[in-house]
Amino acid sequence: MALCLLADRWARPRGVALDALTVDHGLRQEARAEARQVGRWLAGRGIAHRILVASGPRPVTGIQRAARERRLALFDRWVRETGADRILLAHSADDQVETVLQRMMADSGPDGLAGIGAENRVGGTALSRPLLAVARGRLAATCRDFGQPWISDPSNRDLRFARVRLRSLAPELARSGAGPAQILGIAHAMTAARAVLDDHCSRFILDHGAVSPAGFVRLDAGAFQGLDRRFAELLLARLLRAVGGMPWPPRRARIARLVVALRSGVKARTLGGCTIRLGDGLEFSREPGLCAGPVELDPGLRARWDNRFEVRLEGDEPARLGTLDARGWSVLARQMRGQVPQPDPWSWPRAARLAYPVVRHLDGTTSLPHFVRDVGARRIRSGGRVVLRFCPDQDWIRILAMPTHGT
């Protein structure tokens, strides 16, 4: 409620459109009535409000994680339907403290200890947390100053959840010298360290590899072998998350084992939704069998596929985007009749080719984004336009890919 009121005070005089969203996760019977009450409060203040309802069976384990994933999926769909610029989330300094403590317990390293990002992307959706430095008590005081009641979620007092148990330990931690100020100091320091690590990873790839707009990464194997072990782990965590389209990287211990395996000469591994192959170079490709299924494309609308690619179909006819299996690529090769498009998909890692999205049109033709406009084949479309962009959640690696091309 504090975020809604403060955001409205900022947005209204600037002519910025603002909608308030409440998610009903389907976990409590009272949730729908509470959401409607929020809508009535906001309507009285002239703030647009919408209830987003999660679907699917109720999770039995990992309830908070499942709820977060469903919530973010609903936000992403709403952003794409409305063309909204971003989602504002009301995480507070207290949430940041609890997150850092959780990640300390999980031994998640400097990336994890940076805590919640003030600005990041999840599933391609831009998220901003303008209240991340504000204590929860100050937000309650803000609501009281506005004369605004609020509803407290009882799950925030449920000791079954690790975050709630940590919250209950906060007074004792503060008495021991590990209060919010000290823990937030760790998060600030690790946020700065994470930015430096991103920059070092970017420079290493620029000097010793390349990010393909087709969604795979190649590194010089010798240069990788010469890296400090810990930096190699941090680099792989970032690459696996981007290439695999995952919301977070694999666990640190699994990445450490992968580094050991690659340095011992193991030629192939899979981890984090990726296929990793060591040959003349080190290649990271999406694991084809884990790709998202086909999606329908509506003309003029932007779609996201496999949490790796953003695509926009121009023209006035719908189409379908998805992968081709090995047989489908063989058929395309025959249709091209020896003419090789640029870039050459047959020079890619096999896994990258099988995980690459192509567009099939109603007339039976196929569009190959990132390729030249006319490949000389009757069934390969040269008219119309499909714009495809390799668009992982990590901005620093996104800009390393080549500029957008289309067919």
Protein backbone atom coordinates (compact mmCIF):
# COMPACT_ATOMS: atom_id res chain seq x y z
CA MET A 1 0.00 0.00 0.00
CA ALA A 2 2.85 2.40 0.77
CA LEU A 3 4.39 1.74 -2.64
CA CYS A 4 1.04 2.41 -4.38
CA LEU A 5 0.53 5.69 -2.59
CA LEU A 6 4.10 6.92 -3.08
CA ALA A 7 4.22 5.84 -6.72
CA ASP A 8 0.89 7.56 -7.40
CA ARG A 9 2.16 10.77 -5.78
CA TRP A 10 5.21 10.64 -8.07
CA ALA A 11 3.42 9.54 -11.27
CA ARG A 12 0.30 11.71 -11.31
CA PRO A 13 1.89 15.16 -11.78
CA ARG A 14 4.25 13.70 -14.41
CA GLY A 15 1.47 12.19 -16.51
CA VAL A 16 2.81 8.65 -15.98
CA ALA A 17 0.19 5.90 -16.16
CA LEU A 18 0.15 3.72 -13.05
CA ASP A 19 -1.77 0.51 -12.38
CA ALA A 20 -1.78 -1.34 -9.07
CA LEU A 21 -1.65 -5.14 -9.26
CA THR A 22 -2.69 -7.61 -6.58
CA VAL A 23 -1.92 -11.30 -7.08
CA ASP A 24 -4.26 -13.95 -5.73
CA HIS A 25 -2.01 -17.02 -5.49
CA GLY A 26 -4.92 -19.29 -4.60
CA LEU A 27 -3.23 -20.29 -1.33
CA ARG A 28 -5.75 -18.79 1.12
CA GLN A 29 -9.52 -18.54 0.95
CA GLU A 30 -9.45 -14.98 2.27
CA ALA A 31 -7.11 -13.73 -0.44
CA ARG A 32 -9.76 -12.83 -3.03
CA ALA A 33 -11.81 -10.79 -0.56
CA GLU A 34 -8.65 -9.02 0.63
CA ALA A 35 -7.70 -8.19 -2.96
CA ARG A 36 -11.13 -6.73 -3.59
CA GLN A 37 -10.80 -4.61 -0.45
CA VAL A 38 -7.50 -3.25 -1.75
CA GLY A 39 -9.28 -2.41 -5.01
CA ARG A 40 -11.95 -0.44 -3.14
CA TRP A 41 -9.34 1.50 -1.17
CA LEU A 42 -7.41 2.39 -4.32
CA ALA A 43 -10.55 3.25 -6.30
CA GLY A 44 -11.31 5.85 -3.64
CA ARG A 45 -7.94 7.42 -4.46
CA GLY A 46 -8.39 7.22 -8.23
CA ILE A 47 -5.73 4.52 -8.65
CA ALA A 48 -6.45 1.80 -11.23
CA HIS A 49 -6.32 -1.70 -9.78
CA ARG A 50 -6.34 -5.18 -11.23
CA ILE A 51 -6.37 -8.62 -9.59
CA LEU A 52 -4.16 -11.24 -11.25
CA VAL A 53 -5.20 -14.80 -10.43
CA ALA A 54 -2.66 -17.62 -10.40
CA SER A 55 -3.72 -20.94 -11.91
CA GLY A 56 -2.54 -24.51 -11.55
CA PRO A 57 -2.51 -26.96 -8.65
CA ARG A 58 -1.62 -25.69 -5.21
CA PRO A 59 2.07 -26.41 -4.45
CA VAL A 60 2.73 -28.84 -1.62
CA THR A 61 6.42 -28.04 -1.09
CA GLY A 62 8.47 -24.97 -1.87
CA ILE A 63 5.33 -22.87 -1.46
CA GLN A 64 6.99 -19.45 -1.32
CA ARG A 65 9.26 -20.19 -4.26
CA ALA A 66 6.33 -21.51 -6.34
CA ALA A 67 4.27 -18.45 -5.43
CA ARG A 68 7.11 -16.15 -6.49
CA GLU A 69 7.47 -17.92 -9.84
CA ARG A 70 3.72 -17.72 -10.53
CA ARG A 71 3.62 -14.08 -9.49
CA LEU A 72 6.46 -13.16 -11.83
CA ALA A 73 4.84 -15.09 -14.68
CA LEU A 74 1.61 -13.14 -14.17
CA PHE A 75 3.52 -9.86 -14.11
CA ASP A 76 5.32 -10.78 -17.33
CA ARG A 77 2.06 -11.59 -19.11
CA TRP A 78 0.49 -8.34 -17.92
CA VAL A 79 3.49 -6.30 -19.11
CA ARG A 80 3.28 -7.86 -22.57
CA GLU A 81 -0.47 -7.38 -22.81
CA THR A 82 -0.40 -3.73 -21.74
CA GLY A 83 2.99 -2.55 -23.00
CA ALA A 84 3.93 -1.40 -19.49
CA ASP A 85 7.50 -0.28 -19.00
CA ARG A 86 8.23 -2.10 -15.76
CA ILE A 87 6.93 -3.58 -12.55
CA LEU A 88 7.52 -1.84 -9.21
CA LEU A 89 7.93 -4.17 -6.24
CA ALA A 90 7.73 -3.12 -2.59
CA HIS A 91 10.67 -5.04 -1.14
CA SER A 92 12.02 -3.19 1.89
CA ALA A 93 15.33 -3.05 3.75
CA ASP A 94 13.97 -5.76 6.07
CA ASP A 95 13.43 -8.06 3.07
CA GLN A 96 16.99 -7.37 1.96
CA VAL A 97 18.38 -8.30 5.38
CA GLU A 98 16.46 -11.58 5.41
CA THR A 99 17.59 -12.41 1.86
CA VAL A 100 21.27 -11.83 2.67
CA LEU A 101 21.01 -14.00 5.78
CA GLN A 102 19.38 -16.79 3.77
CA ARG A 103 22.13 -16.63 1.17
CA MET A 104 24.84 -16.65 3.82
CA MET A 105 23.37 -19.91 5.09
CA ALA A 106 23.32 -21.29 1.54
CA ASP A 107 27.00 -20.29 0.93
CA SER A 108 25.92 -18.57 -2.28
CA GLY A 109 29.08 -16.47 -2.72
CA PRO A 110 29.44 -12.78 -3.60
CA ASP A 111 26.64 -12.78 -6.16
CA GLY A 112 24.16 -14.12 -3.63
CA LEU A 113 25.37 -11.89 -0.81
CA ALA A 114 24.58 -8.85 -2.95
CA GLY A 115 20.98 -9.69 -2.09
CA ILE A 116 17.98 -8.38 -3.98
CA GLY A 117 18.78 -6.10 -6.90
CA ALA A 118 17.25 -2.63 -6.95
CA GLU A 119 16.94 -3.03 -10.73
CA ASN A 120 16.96 -6.33 -12.60
CA ARG A 121 15.09 -8.50 -15.07
CA VAL A 122 13.28 -11.77 -14.56
CA GLY A 123 11.84 -13.52 -17.59
CA GLY A 124 12.63 -10.41 -19.58
CA THR A 125 10.45 -8.19 -17.39
CA ALA A 126 12.13 -5.12 -15.90
CA LEU A 127 11.69 -4.99 -12.11
CA SER A 128 12.37 -1.96 -9.92
CA ARG A 129 12.40 -1.88 -6.12
CA PRO A 130 12.37 1.79 -5.13
CA LEU A 131 11.83 1.06 -1.40
CA LEU A 132 14.73 -1.36 -0.96
CA ALA A 133 16.58 1.01 1.37
CA VAL A 134 13.50 1.82 3.48
CA ALA A 135 12.73 -0.04 6.71
CA ARG A 136 9.37 -1.81 7.01
CA GLY A 137 8.45 0.33 10.04
CA ARG A 138 8.83 3.50 7.99
CA LEU A 139 6.48 2.11 5.33
CA ALA A 140 3.85 1.41 7.99
CA ALA A 141 4.31 4.99 9.23
CA THR A 142 3.84 6.21 5.65
CA CYS A 143 0.50 4.44 5.39
CA ARG A 144 -0.61 5.91 8.70
CA ASP A 145 0.40 9.36 7.49
CA PHE A 146 -1.78 8.86 4.40
CA GLY A 147 -4.61 7.59 6.62
CA GLN A 148 -4.45 4.30 4.72
CA PRO A 149 -5.24 0.93 6.35
CA TRP A 150 -3.47 -2.20 5.12
CA ILE A 151 -3.86 -5.97 5.32
CA SER A 152 -1.15 -8.16 6.82
CA ASP A 153 -0.55 -11.53 5.17
CA PRO A 154 -0.62 -14.23 7.89
CA SER A 155 2.02 -16.23 6.00
CA ASN A 156 4.49 -13.57 7.14
CA ARG A 157 4.13 -15.01 10.65
CA ASP A 158 4.24 -18.69 9.65
CA LEU A 159 7.37 -20.23 11.20
CA ARG A 160 7.34 -23.06 8.64
CA PHE A 161 9.08 -20.66 6.29
CA ALA A 162 12.82 -20.04 6.68
CA ARG A 163 12.44 -16.33 5.99
CA VAL A 164 9.96 -15.97 8.86
CA ARG A 165 12.25 -17.88 11.24
CA LEU A 166 15.10 -15.54 10.35
CA ARG A 167 12.82 -12.57 10.95
CA SER A 168 12.12 -13.82 14.45
CA LEU A 169 15.88 -13.97 15.14
CA ALA A 170 16.48 -10.36 14.10
CA PRO A 171 16.43 -8.86 17.64
CA GLU A 172 18.99 -11.38 18.91
CA LEU A 173 21.22 -10.85 15.88
CA ALA A 174 21.11 -7.10 16.42
CA ARG A 175 22.15 -7.52 20.07
CA SER A 176 25.08 -9.64 18.87
CA GLY A 177 26.32 -6.91 16.54
CA ALA A 178 24.78 -8.29 13.33
CA GLY A 179 21.96 -5.81 13.02
CA PRO A 180 20.31 -4.52 9.85
CA ALA A 181 22.93 -1.82 9.26
CA GLN A 182 25.78 -4.34 9.29
CA ILE A 183 23.97 -6.83 7.05
CA LEU A 184 22.90 -4.13 4.60
CA GLY A 185 26.52 -3.00 4.51
CA ILE A 186 27.49 -6.47 3.31
CA ALA A 187 24.82 -6.31 0.59
CA HIS A 188 26.03 -2.89 -0.59
CA ALA A 189 29.64 -4.07 -0.74
CA MET A 190 28.73 -7.25 -2.60
CA THR A 191 26.53 -5.32 -5.04
CA ALA A 192 29.58 -3.25 -5.98
CA ALA A 193 31.66 -6.44 -6.21
CA ARG A 194 29.04 -8.03 -8.46
CA ALA A 195 29.21 -5.09 -10.87
CA VAL A 196 33.00 -5.44 -11.00
CA LEU A 197 32.68 -9.19 -11.64
CA ASP A 198 30.18 -8.54 -14.45
CA ASP A 199 32.67 -6.16 -16.02
CA HIS A 200 35.54 -8.65 -15.72
CA CYS A 201 33.42 -11.42 -17.25
CA SER A 202 32.42 -9.12 -20.10
CA ARG A 203 36.05 -8.21 -20.78
CA PHE A 204 37.14 -11.85 -20.69
CA ILE A 205 34.51 -12.82 -23.26
CA LEU A 206 35.39 -9.88 -25.50
CA ASP A 207 39.07 -10.86 -25.36
CA HIS A 208 38.73 -14.64 -25.48
CA GLY A 209 35.37 -15.56 -26.98
CA ALA A 210 32.08 -14.41 -28.43
CA VAL A 211 28.37 -14.35 -27.68
CA SER A 212 26.37 -15.38 -30.74
CA PRO A 213 23.02 -13.70 -31.44
CA ALA A 214 21.83 -17.27 -32.00
CA GLY A 215 22.11 -17.84 -28.25
CA PHE A 216 25.36 -19.74 -27.72
CA VAL A 217 28.78 -18.76 -26.39
CA ARG A 218 32.27 -19.81 -27.45
CA LEU A 219 35.41 -19.34 -25.34
CA ASP A 220 39.06 -19.99 -25.98
CA ALA A 221 39.75 -23.21 -24.06
CA GLY A 222 43.32 -22.29 -23.19
CA ALA A 223 42.33 -18.91 -21.79
CA PHE A 224 39.61 -20.56 -19.70
CA GLN A 225 42.06 -23.11 -18.32
CA GLY A 226 44.30 -20.27 -17.17
CA LEU A 227 41.61 -18.55 -15.12
CA ASP A 228 41.64 -18.44 -11.35
CA ARG A 229 39.36 -21.28 -10.18
CA ARG A 230 36.95 -19.05 -8.28
CA PHE A 231 36.65 -16.57 -11.14
CA ALA A 232 36.05 -19.48 -13.54
CA GLU A 233 33.14 -20.58 -11.33
CA LEU A 234 31.64 -17.08 -11.29
CA LEU A 235 31.99 -16.81 -15.08
CA LEU A 236 30.33 -20.19 -15.64
CA ALA A 237 27.47 -19.29 -13.30
CA ARG A 238 26.70 -16.26 -15.46
CA LEU A 239 27.07 -18.08 -18.78
CA LEU A 240 24.94 -21.05 -17.75
CA ARG A 241 22.15 -18.80 -16.53
CA ALA A 242 22.14 -16.73 -19.74
CA VAL A 243 22.49 -19.56 -22.26
CA GLY A 244 20.14 -21.87 -20.34
CA GLY A 245 17.46 -19.21 -19.88
CA MET A 246 17.23 -19.98 -16.18
CA PRO A 247 16.07 -17.50 -13.52
CA TRP A 248 19.13 -18.36 -11.40
CA PRO A 249 22.36 -20.31 -11.90
CA PRO A 250 22.99 -23.86 -10.67
CA ARG A 251 24.26 -24.34 -7.14
CA ARG A 252 27.81 -23.31 -6.48
CA ALA A 253 28.96 -26.85 -5.67
CA ARG A 254 27.73 -28.17 -9.01
CA ILE A 255 29.48 -25.37 -10.90
CA ALA A 256 32.70 -26.09 -8.98
CA ARG A 257 32.51 -29.74 -10.07
CA LEU A 258 31.97 -28.63 -13.67
CA VAL A 259 35.13 -26.48 -13.56
CA VAL A 260 37.13 -29.44 -12.24
CA ALA A 261 35.72 -31.72 -14.95
CA LEU A 262 36.52 -29.29 -17.78
CA ARG A 263 40.04 -28.76 -16.50
CA SER A 264 40.59 -32.50 -16.33
CA GLY A 265 39.73 -32.84 -20.02
CA VAL A 266 36.11 -34.05 -19.85
CA LYS A 267 34.66 -33.32 -23.29
CA ALA A 268 30.97 -32.88 -22.59
CA ARG A 269 28.65 -32.08 -19.71
CA THR A 270 25.12 -30.78 -19.19
CA LEU A 271 24.23 -28.39 -16.40
CA GLY A 272 21.70 -25.62 -15.84
CA GLY A 273 19.80 -26.35 -19.04
CA CYS A 274 23.01 -26.13 -21.09
CA THR A 275 25.22 -28.44 -23.10
CA ILE A 276 28.90 -27.71 -22.50
CA ARG A 277 31.43 -29.15 -24.96
CA LEU A 278 35.21 -28.92 -24.86
CA GLY A 279 37.05 -29.28 -28.14
CA ASP A 280 39.08 -26.74 -30.05
CA GLY A 281 37.17 -24.25 -27.92
CA LEU A 282 34.70 -24.31 -25.06
CA GLU A 283 31.08 -24.11 -26.25
CA PHE A 284 27.94 -23.35 -24.23
CA SER A 285 24.62 -24.12 -25.94
CA ARG A 286 21.05 -24.53 -24.79
CA GLU A 287 20.10 -28.15 -24.14
CA PRO A 288 17.62 -28.80 -26.99
CA GLY A 289 15.42 -31.24 -25.09
CA LEU A 290 14.68 -28.62 -22.43
CA CYS A 291 13.59 -25.81 -24.78
CA ALA A 292 10.13 -24.31 -24.43
CA GLY A 293 7.42 -25.56 -26.76
CA PRO A 294 6.16 -23.69 -29.82
CA VAL A 295 4.38 -20.37 -29.35
CA GLU A 296 1.89 -18.60 -31.56
CA LEU A 297 2.99 -15.18 -32.81
CA ASP A 298 0.51 -12.38 -33.37
CA PRO A 299 1.50 -9.65 -35.85
CA GLY A 300 3.03 -6.58 -34.27
CA LEU A 301 3.22 -8.04 -30.76
CA ARG A 302 6.40 -8.88 -28.90
CA ALA A 303 6.75 -12.39 -27.53
CA ARG A 304 9.38 -14.08 -25.36
CA TRP A 305 10.47 -17.64 -25.97
CA ASP A 306 12.41 -20.00 -23.72
CA ASN A 307 13.42 -17.01 -21.57
CA ARG A 308 16.21 -16.41 -24.10
CA PHE A 309 14.75 -14.71 -27.16
CA GLU A 310 12.49 -11.75 -27.81
CA VAL A 311 10.64 -11.93 -31.13
CA ARG A 312 8.36 -9.59 -33.04
CA LEU A 313 6.42 -10.60 -36.14
CA GLU A 314 5.67 -7.85 -38.63
CA GLY A 315 3.03 -8.01 -41.32
CA ASP A 316 -0.62 -8.97 -40.91
CA GLU A 317 -0.56 -12.78 -40.60
CA PRO A 318 0.07 -14.90 -37.49
CA ALA A 319 2.81 -17.51 -37.41
CA ARG A 320 4.35 -20.10 -35.09
CA LEU A 321 7.80 -20.03 -33.53
CA GLY A 322 9.63 -23.14 -32.33
CA THR A 323 12.62 -25.37 -32.89
CA LEU A 324 13.44 -27.79 -35.71
CA ASP A 325 14.79 -31.27 -35.05
CA ALA A 326 17.69 -32.76 -37.00
CA ARG A 327 15.36 -33.98 -39.75
CA GLY A 328 13.83 -30.51 -40.09
CA TRP A 329 17.24 -28.94 -40.56
CA SER A 330 18.08 -31.58 -43.18
CA VAL A 331 14.92 -30.64 -45.08
CA LEU A 332 15.92 -26.98 -44.94
CA ALA A 333 19.38 -27.84 -46.25
CA ARG A 334 17.83 -29.57 -49.27
CA GLN A 335 15.50 -26.61 -49.85
CA MET A 336 18.45 -24.22 -49.83
CA ARG A 337 20.03 -26.31 -52.62
CA GLY A 338 23.62 -25.68 -51.63
CA GLN A 339 23.27 -21.97 -50.93
CA VAL A 340 24.63 -21.24 -47.48
CA PRO A 341 23.05 -18.32 -45.62
CA GLN A 342 25.17 -15.99 -43.54
CA PRO A 343 25.84 -16.62 -40.77
CA ASP A 344 26.10 -20.34 -41.53
CA PRO A 345 23.92 -22.35 -39.10
CA TRP A 346 25.84 -25.51 -39.95
CA SER A 347 28.93 -23.94 -38.39
CA TRP A 348 27.15 -23.65 -35.06
CA PRO A 349 27.31 -26.28 -32.32
CA ARG A 350 24.73 -28.94 -33.12
CA ALA A 351 22.90 -28.32 -29.83
CA ALA A 352 22.67 -24.59 -30.59
CA ARG A 353 21.13 -25.29 -33.98
CA LEU A 354 18.55 -27.67 -32.52
CA ALA A 355 17.70 -25.10 -29.82
CA TYR A 356 17.40 -22.18 -32.25
CA PRO A 357 13.89 -20.80 -32.91
CA VAL A 358 12.57 -20.63 -36.46
CA VAL A 359 9.26 -19.16 -37.62
CA ARG A 360 6.74 -21.10 -39.69
CA HIS A 361 4.18 -19.09 -41.63
CA LEU A 362 0.66 -20.04 -42.69
CA ASP A 363 1.74 -20.42 -46.32
CA GLY A 364 4.25 -23.13 -45.37
CA THR A 365 7.35 -20.96 -45.67
CA THR A 366 9.96 -20.62 -42.96
CA SER A 367 11.73 -17.51 -41.65
CA LEU A 368 15.22 -17.83 -40.23
CA PRO A 369 15.95 -14.80 -38.04
CA HIS A 370 19.59 -13.55 -38.03
CA PHE A 371 20.05 -14.79 -41.62
CA VAL A 372 20.34 -12.91 -44.89
CA ARG A 373 17.03 -11.83 -46.40
CA ASP A 374 17.17 -14.03 -49.50
CA VAL A 375 18.78 -17.46 -49.24
CA GLY A 376 17.66 -18.53 -52.70
CA ALA A 377 15.22 -21.24 -51.65
CA ARG A 378 11.60 -21.33 -52.70
CA ARG A 379 10.32 -22.32 -49.29
CA ILE A 380 12.51 -19.94 -47.27
CA ARG A 381 10.64 -16.68 -46.93
CA SER A 382 12.33 -13.52 -48.13
CA GLY A 383 9.27 -11.27 -47.76
CA GLY A 384 7.88 -10.02 -44.47
CA ARG A 385 10.04 -9.58 -41.43
CA VAL A 386 10.74 -11.45 -38.20
CA VAL A 387 12.87 -9.60 -35.67
CA LEU A 388 14.59 -11.87 -33.16
CA ARG A 389 16.91 -10.85 -30.36
CA PHE A 390 18.96 -12.95 -27.96
CA CYS A 391 17.74 -11.38 -24.76
CA PRO A 392 18.83 -13.10 -21.53
CA ASP A 393 17.94 -11.51 -18.21
CA GLN A 394 21.52 -10.34 -17.65
CA ASP A 395 21.99 -7.00 -19.37
CA TRP A 396 25.80 -7.16 -19.42
CA ILE A 397 25.84 -10.30 -21.60
CA ARG A 398 22.92 -9.22 -23.75
CA ILE A 399 24.93 -6.33 -25.17
CA LEU A 400 27.78 -8.66 -26.16
CA ALA A 401 25.58 -10.32 -28.80
CA MET A 402 25.63 -8.97 -32.34
CA PRO A 403 23.07 -6.31 -33.36
CA THR A 404 19.55 -7.42 -34.24
CA HIS A 405 19.03 -8.83 -37.71
CA GLY A 406 15.84 -10.03 -39.36
CA THR A 407 14.48 -11.99 -42.32
